[in-house]
Structures are given as C-alpha cells and as structure tokens.
C-alpha cells in the first residue's frame, strides 16, 4: 500500500495549485481516507505542503488526524496564507 500512496503523493503534489474545486476536494478525500489507517503518513506529507494546499484540501485531509497533528497542520496552513478552518464543528484556536 505504501507504493500506492507514493504514487498518489507525486500526482497530488503536482496538482496542489490546481484551481478546479473537485480536484482539490479529491486530494483531500484521499488524504482523509488514508489518515484513517496511516495518520502519521498523511501528517508528514501534508505538513510540508500545508502552505500550498487549498483550504478545501486541508479541511478534508485533517478530519481524522489526531488533534495535535490537525492543529499543527492548520497552524502551518494559516501561517502560509490559508484561512482558518473549522473541523468537526470546533473552531481552531488562534
């Protein structure tokens, strides 16, 4: 399964700046579903790209990450120009 994520990661990395909403959402969906089984893998991949990822990608991707990882990614995303996100009905601190 690692090979599949590596391939996805290459494709997704190249498409993070894509303006099409459904591509942004799809990247987030894959990250969200992967995070259910491998949250550390998703966290490592997304943290390095949080400033480039769209709001919708980040919002979807962090849904199942542990709270500390979710907050770390959201903080990095905000620090790099992303808007504050709402996850699971709770506003992030800040």
N, C-alpha and C. Protein backbone atom coordinates (compact mmCIF):
# COMPACT_ATOMS: atom_id res chain seq x y z
N UNK A 1 0.81 -1.20 0.00
CA UNK A 1 0.00 0.00 0.00
C UNK A 1 0.85 1.26 0.00
N UNK A 2 2.05 1.17 0.54
CA UNK A 2 2.93 2.34 0.56
C UNK A 2 3.19 2.84 -0.85
N UNK A 3 3.42 1.94 -1.79
CA UNK A 3 3.67 2.33 -3.16
C UNK A 3 2.52 3.12 -3.76
N UNK A 4 1.29 2.76 -3.40
CA UNK A 4 0.13 3.49 -3.89
C UNK A 4 0.12 4.92 -3.36
N UNK A 5 0.45 5.08 -2.08
CA UNK A 5 0.47 6.43 -1.52
C UNK A 5 1.60 7.24 -2.14
N UNK A 6 2.73 6.61 -2.37
CA UNK A 6 3.85 7.32 -3.01
C UNK A 6 3.43 7.83 -4.39
N UNK A 7 2.75 7.01 -5.15
CA UNK A 7 2.28 7.43 -6.47
C UNK A 7 1.26 8.56 -6.34
N UNK A 8 0.29 8.37 -5.46
CA UNK A 8 -0.69 9.42 -5.21
C UNK A 8 0.01 10.72 -4.82
N UNK A 9 0.99 10.62 -3.91
CA UNK A 9 1.70 11.80 -3.44
C UNK A 9 2.37 12.57 -4.56
N UNK A 10 2.96 11.86 -5.51
CA UNK A 10 3.59 12.53 -6.66
C UNK A 10 2.54 13.26 -7.50
N UNK A 11 1.43 12.58 -7.78
CA UNK A 11 0.38 13.21 -8.58
C UNK A 11 -0.23 14.40 -7.84
N UNK A 12 -0.54 14.19 -6.57
CA UNK A 12 -1.19 15.24 -5.78
C UNK A 12 -0.28 16.45 -5.61
N UNK A 13 0.99 16.20 -5.38
CA UNK A 13 1.95 17.29 -5.22
C UNK A 13 1.97 18.17 -6.46
N UNK A 14 1.92 17.55 -7.61
CA UNK A 14 1.94 18.30 -8.87
C UNK A 14 0.63 19.06 -9.10
N UNK A 15 -0.45 18.65 -8.41
CA UNK A 15 -1.76 19.26 -8.66
C UNK A 15 -2.24 20.14 -7.51
N UNK A 16 -1.42 20.39 -6.51
CA UNK A 16 -1.86 21.20 -5.38
C UNK A 16 -2.27 22.61 -5.76
N UNK A 17 -1.70 23.14 -6.80
CA UNK A 17 -2.05 24.50 -7.22
C UNK A 17 -3.23 24.53 -8.20
N UNK A 18 -3.79 23.38 -8.50
CA UNK A 18 -4.94 23.29 -9.40
C UNK A 18 -6.10 24.13 -8.87
N UNK A 19 -6.76 24.86 -9.74
CA UNK A 19 -7.87 25.74 -9.34
C UNK A 19 -9.22 25.01 -9.33
N UNK A 20 -9.31 23.88 -9.97
CA UNK A 20 -10.57 23.13 -10.05
C UNK A 20 -10.96 22.59 -8.67
N UNK A 21 -12.13 23.00 -8.19
CA UNK A 21 -12.60 22.63 -6.86
C UNK A 21 -12.60 21.13 -6.64
N UNK A 22 -13.10 20.36 -7.59
CA UNK A 22 -13.25 18.92 -7.37
C UNK A 22 -11.90 18.20 -7.34
N UNK A 23 -10.90 18.73 -7.98
CA UNK A 23 -9.56 18.14 -7.86
C UNK A 23 -9.02 18.42 -6.46
N UNK A 24 -9.19 19.64 -5.99
CA UNK A 24 -8.76 19.98 -4.63
C UNK A 24 -9.47 19.10 -3.60
N UNK A 25 -10.76 18.94 -3.78
CA UNK A 25 -11.56 18.14 -2.86
C UNK A 25 -11.13 16.68 -2.92
N UNK A 26 -10.88 16.16 -4.11
CA UNK A 26 -10.48 14.76 -4.27
C UNK A 26 -9.14 14.48 -3.58
N UNK A 27 -8.21 15.40 -3.68
CA UNK A 27 -6.93 15.23 -2.98
C UNK A 27 -7.18 15.14 -1.48
N UNK A 28 -8.03 16.02 -0.98
CA UNK A 28 -8.38 15.98 0.43
C UNK A 28 -9.06 14.69 0.84
N UNK A 29 -9.94 14.16 -0.02
CA UNK A 29 -10.64 12.91 0.28
C UNK A 29 -9.66 11.75 0.41
N UNK A 30 -8.73 11.67 -0.53
CA UNK A 30 -7.75 10.58 -0.46
C UNK A 30 -6.91 10.70 0.81
N UNK A 31 -6.49 11.90 1.13
CA UNK A 31 -5.72 12.10 2.36
C UNK A 31 -6.56 11.75 3.58
N UNK A 32 -7.81 12.17 3.59
CA UNK A 32 -8.70 11.87 4.72
C UNK A 32 -8.87 10.37 4.91
N UNK A 33 -9.13 9.65 3.83
CA UNK A 33 -9.33 8.21 3.94
C UNK A 33 -8.04 7.48 4.33
N UNK A 34 -6.92 7.95 3.82
CA UNK A 34 -5.63 7.36 4.19
C UNK A 34 -5.33 7.61 5.67
N UNK A 35 -5.72 8.77 6.16
CA UNK A 35 -5.46 9.13 7.56
C UNK A 35 -6.17 8.20 8.53
N UNK A 36 -7.23 7.56 8.11
CA UNK A 36 -7.93 6.62 8.99
C UNK A 36 -7.04 5.46 9.38
N UNK A 37 -6.15 5.04 8.49
CA UNK A 37 -5.26 3.91 8.74
C UNK A 37 -3.82 4.33 9.00
N UNK A 38 -3.39 5.41 8.36
CA UNK A 38 -2.00 5.84 8.44
C UNK A 38 -1.90 7.35 8.69
N UNK A 39 -2.37 7.81 9.83
CA UNK A 39 -2.37 9.26 10.08
C UNK A 39 -0.99 9.88 10.06
N UNK A 40 0.03 9.17 10.53
CA UNK A 40 1.37 9.75 10.54
C UNK A 40 1.88 10.00 9.12
N UNK A 41 1.54 9.11 8.21
CA UNK A 41 1.96 9.25 6.81
C UNK A 41 1.33 10.49 6.20
N UNK A 42 0.05 10.67 6.43
CA UNK A 42 -0.66 11.84 5.91
C UNK A 42 -0.11 13.12 6.55
N UNK A 43 0.09 13.08 7.85
CA UNK A 43 0.61 14.25 8.56
C UNK A 43 1.96 14.69 7.98
N UNK A 44 2.87 13.76 7.82
CA UNK A 44 4.20 14.08 7.28
C UNK A 44 4.10 14.66 5.88
N UNK A 45 3.26 14.06 5.04
CA UNK A 45 3.13 14.51 3.66
C UNK A 45 2.51 15.90 3.62
N UNK A 46 1.42 16.10 4.36
CA UNK A 46 0.68 17.36 4.26
C UNK A 46 1.37 18.51 4.98
N UNK A 47 2.05 18.25 6.08
CA UNK A 47 2.68 19.34 6.81
C UNK A 47 3.68 20.09 5.94
N UNK A 48 4.43 19.38 5.11
CA UNK A 48 5.41 20.03 4.23
C UNK A 48 4.73 20.83 3.11
N UNK A 49 3.46 20.57 2.89
CA UNK A 49 2.76 21.21 1.77
C UNK A 49 1.58 22.06 2.23
N UNK A 50 1.43 22.26 3.52
CA UNK A 50 0.25 22.95 4.06
C UNK A 50 0.09 24.36 3.50
N UNK A 51 1.17 25.01 3.21
CA UNK A 51 1.10 26.36 2.66
C UNK A 51 0.67 26.41 1.21
N UNK A 52 0.82 25.31 0.50
CA UNK A 52 0.44 25.24 -0.91
C UNK A 52 -0.94 24.64 -1.12
N UNK A 53 -1.41 23.87 -0.15
CA UNK A 53 -2.69 23.18 -0.28
C UNK A 53 -3.84 24.16 -0.13
N UNK A 54 -4.92 23.90 -0.83
CA UNK A 54 -6.10 24.76 -0.74
C UNK A 54 -6.82 24.53 0.58
N UNK A 55 -7.68 25.46 0.91
CA UNK A 55 -8.48 25.34 2.13
C UNK A 55 -9.30 24.05 2.13
N UNK A 56 -9.93 23.75 1.01
CA UNK A 56 -10.78 22.55 0.96
C UNK A 56 -9.94 21.28 1.09
N UNK A 57 -8.77 21.25 0.50
CA UNK A 57 -7.90 20.09 0.62
C UNK A 57 -7.52 19.87 2.08
N UNK A 58 -7.10 20.93 2.73
CA UNK A 58 -6.69 20.82 4.13
C UNK A 58 -7.88 20.45 5.01
N UNK A 59 -9.00 21.10 4.80
CA UNK A 59 -10.19 20.82 5.60
C UNK A 59 -10.56 19.34 5.55
N UNK A 60 -10.55 18.76 4.37
CA UNK A 60 -10.87 17.33 4.23
C UNK A 60 -9.78 16.45 4.84
N UNK A 61 -8.54 16.80 4.56
CA UNK A 61 -7.42 15.94 4.95
C UNK A 61 -7.26 15.78 6.45
N UNK A 62 -7.57 16.81 7.22
CA UNK A 62 -7.29 16.77 8.66
C UNK A 62 -8.41 16.15 9.49
N UNK A 63 -9.51 15.81 8.90
CA UNK A 63 -10.68 15.35 9.65
C UNK A 63 -10.40 14.20 10.61
N UNK A 64 -9.58 13.25 10.21
CA UNK A 64 -9.34 12.07 11.06
C UNK A 64 -7.94 12.03 11.66
N UNK A 65 -7.23 13.11 11.57
CA UNK A 65 -5.91 13.16 12.21
C UNK A 65 -6.08 13.40 13.71
N UNK A 66 -5.16 12.91 14.52
CA UNK A 66 -5.20 13.24 15.94
C UNK A 66 -5.16 14.76 16.13
N UNK A 67 -5.74 15.23 17.20
CA UNK A 67 -5.90 16.67 17.44
C UNK A 67 -4.58 17.44 17.30
N UNK A 68 -3.51 16.94 17.89
CA UNK A 68 -2.22 17.66 17.83
C UNK A 68 -1.73 17.79 16.39
N UNK A 69 -1.86 16.75 15.60
CA UNK A 69 -1.44 16.80 14.20
C UNK A 69 -2.34 17.74 13.42
N UNK A 70 -3.64 17.65 13.67
CA UNK A 70 -4.59 18.52 12.97
C UNK A 70 -4.27 19.99 13.25
N UNK A 71 -4.07 20.33 14.51
CA UNK A 71 -3.79 21.72 14.87
C UNK A 71 -2.46 22.19 14.27
N UNK A 72 -1.47 21.32 14.22
CA UNK A 72 -0.17 21.68 13.65
C UNK A 72 -0.31 22.01 12.16
N UNK A 73 -1.05 21.20 11.44
CA UNK A 73 -1.25 21.45 10.01
C UNK A 73 -2.07 22.72 9.80
N UNK A 74 -3.13 22.89 10.57
CA UNK A 74 -3.95 24.09 10.42
C UNK A 74 -3.15 25.35 10.72
N UNK A 75 -2.29 25.30 11.74
CA UNK A 75 -1.45 26.45 12.07
C UNK A 75 -0.48 26.75 10.93
N UNK A 76 0.12 25.73 10.37
CA UNK A 76 1.04 25.92 9.25
C UNK A 76 0.30 26.48 8.04
N UNK A 77 -0.88 25.96 7.79
CA UNK A 77 -1.69 26.43 6.66
C UNK A 77 -2.04 27.91 6.83
N UNK A 78 -2.47 28.30 8.03
CA UNK A 78 -2.81 29.71 8.29
C UNK A 78 -1.57 30.59 8.17
N UNK A 79 -0.46 30.12 8.70
CA UNK A 79 0.78 30.92 8.68
C UNK A 79 1.26 31.17 7.25
N UNK A 80 0.85 30.31 6.34
CA UNK A 80 1.28 30.44 4.95
C UNK A 80 0.16 30.96 4.05
N UNK A 81 -0.79 31.66 4.65
CA UNK A 81 -1.81 32.32 3.84
C UNK A 81 -3.15 31.63 3.76
N UNK A 82 -3.31 30.46 4.37
CA UNK A 82 -4.60 29.79 4.36
C UNK A 82 -5.54 30.44 5.36
N UNK A 83 -6.81 30.30 5.11
CA UNK A 83 -7.81 30.83 6.04
C UNK A 83 -8.02 29.86 7.19
N UNK A 84 -8.45 30.34 8.36
CA UNK A 84 -8.77 29.45 9.47
C UNK A 84 -9.83 28.44 9.05
N UNK A 85 -9.69 27.23 9.51
CA UNK A 85 -10.60 26.15 9.15
C UNK A 85 -11.50 25.79 10.32
N UNK A 86 -12.63 25.21 10.01
CA UNK A 86 -13.49 24.61 11.04
C UNK A 86 -13.44 23.11 10.80
N UNK A 87 -13.15 22.37 11.86
CA UNK A 87 -13.11 20.92 11.73
C UNK A 87 -13.99 20.31 12.80
N UNK A 88 -14.87 19.44 12.40
CA UNK A 88 -15.78 18.74 13.31
C UNK A 88 -16.53 19.71 14.21
N UNK A 89 -16.91 20.86 13.67
CA UNK A 89 -17.70 21.82 14.40
C UNK A 89 -16.96 22.61 15.46
N UNK A 90 -15.65 22.48 15.52
CA UNK A 90 -14.85 23.18 16.51
C UNK A 90 -13.91 24.13 15.81
N UNK A 91 -13.95 25.38 16.18
CA UNK A 91 -13.03 26.35 15.58
C UNK A 91 -11.63 26.13 16.14
N UNK A 92 -10.60 26.16 15.30
CA UNK A 92 -9.24 26.02 15.80
C UNK A 92 -8.87 27.23 16.64
N UNK A 93 -8.00 27.03 17.62
CA UNK A 93 -7.58 28.17 18.45
C UNK A 93 -6.78 29.18 17.64
N UNK A 94 -6.75 30.38 18.11
CA UNK A 94 -5.89 31.31 17.42
C UNK A 94 -6.49 32.62 17.27
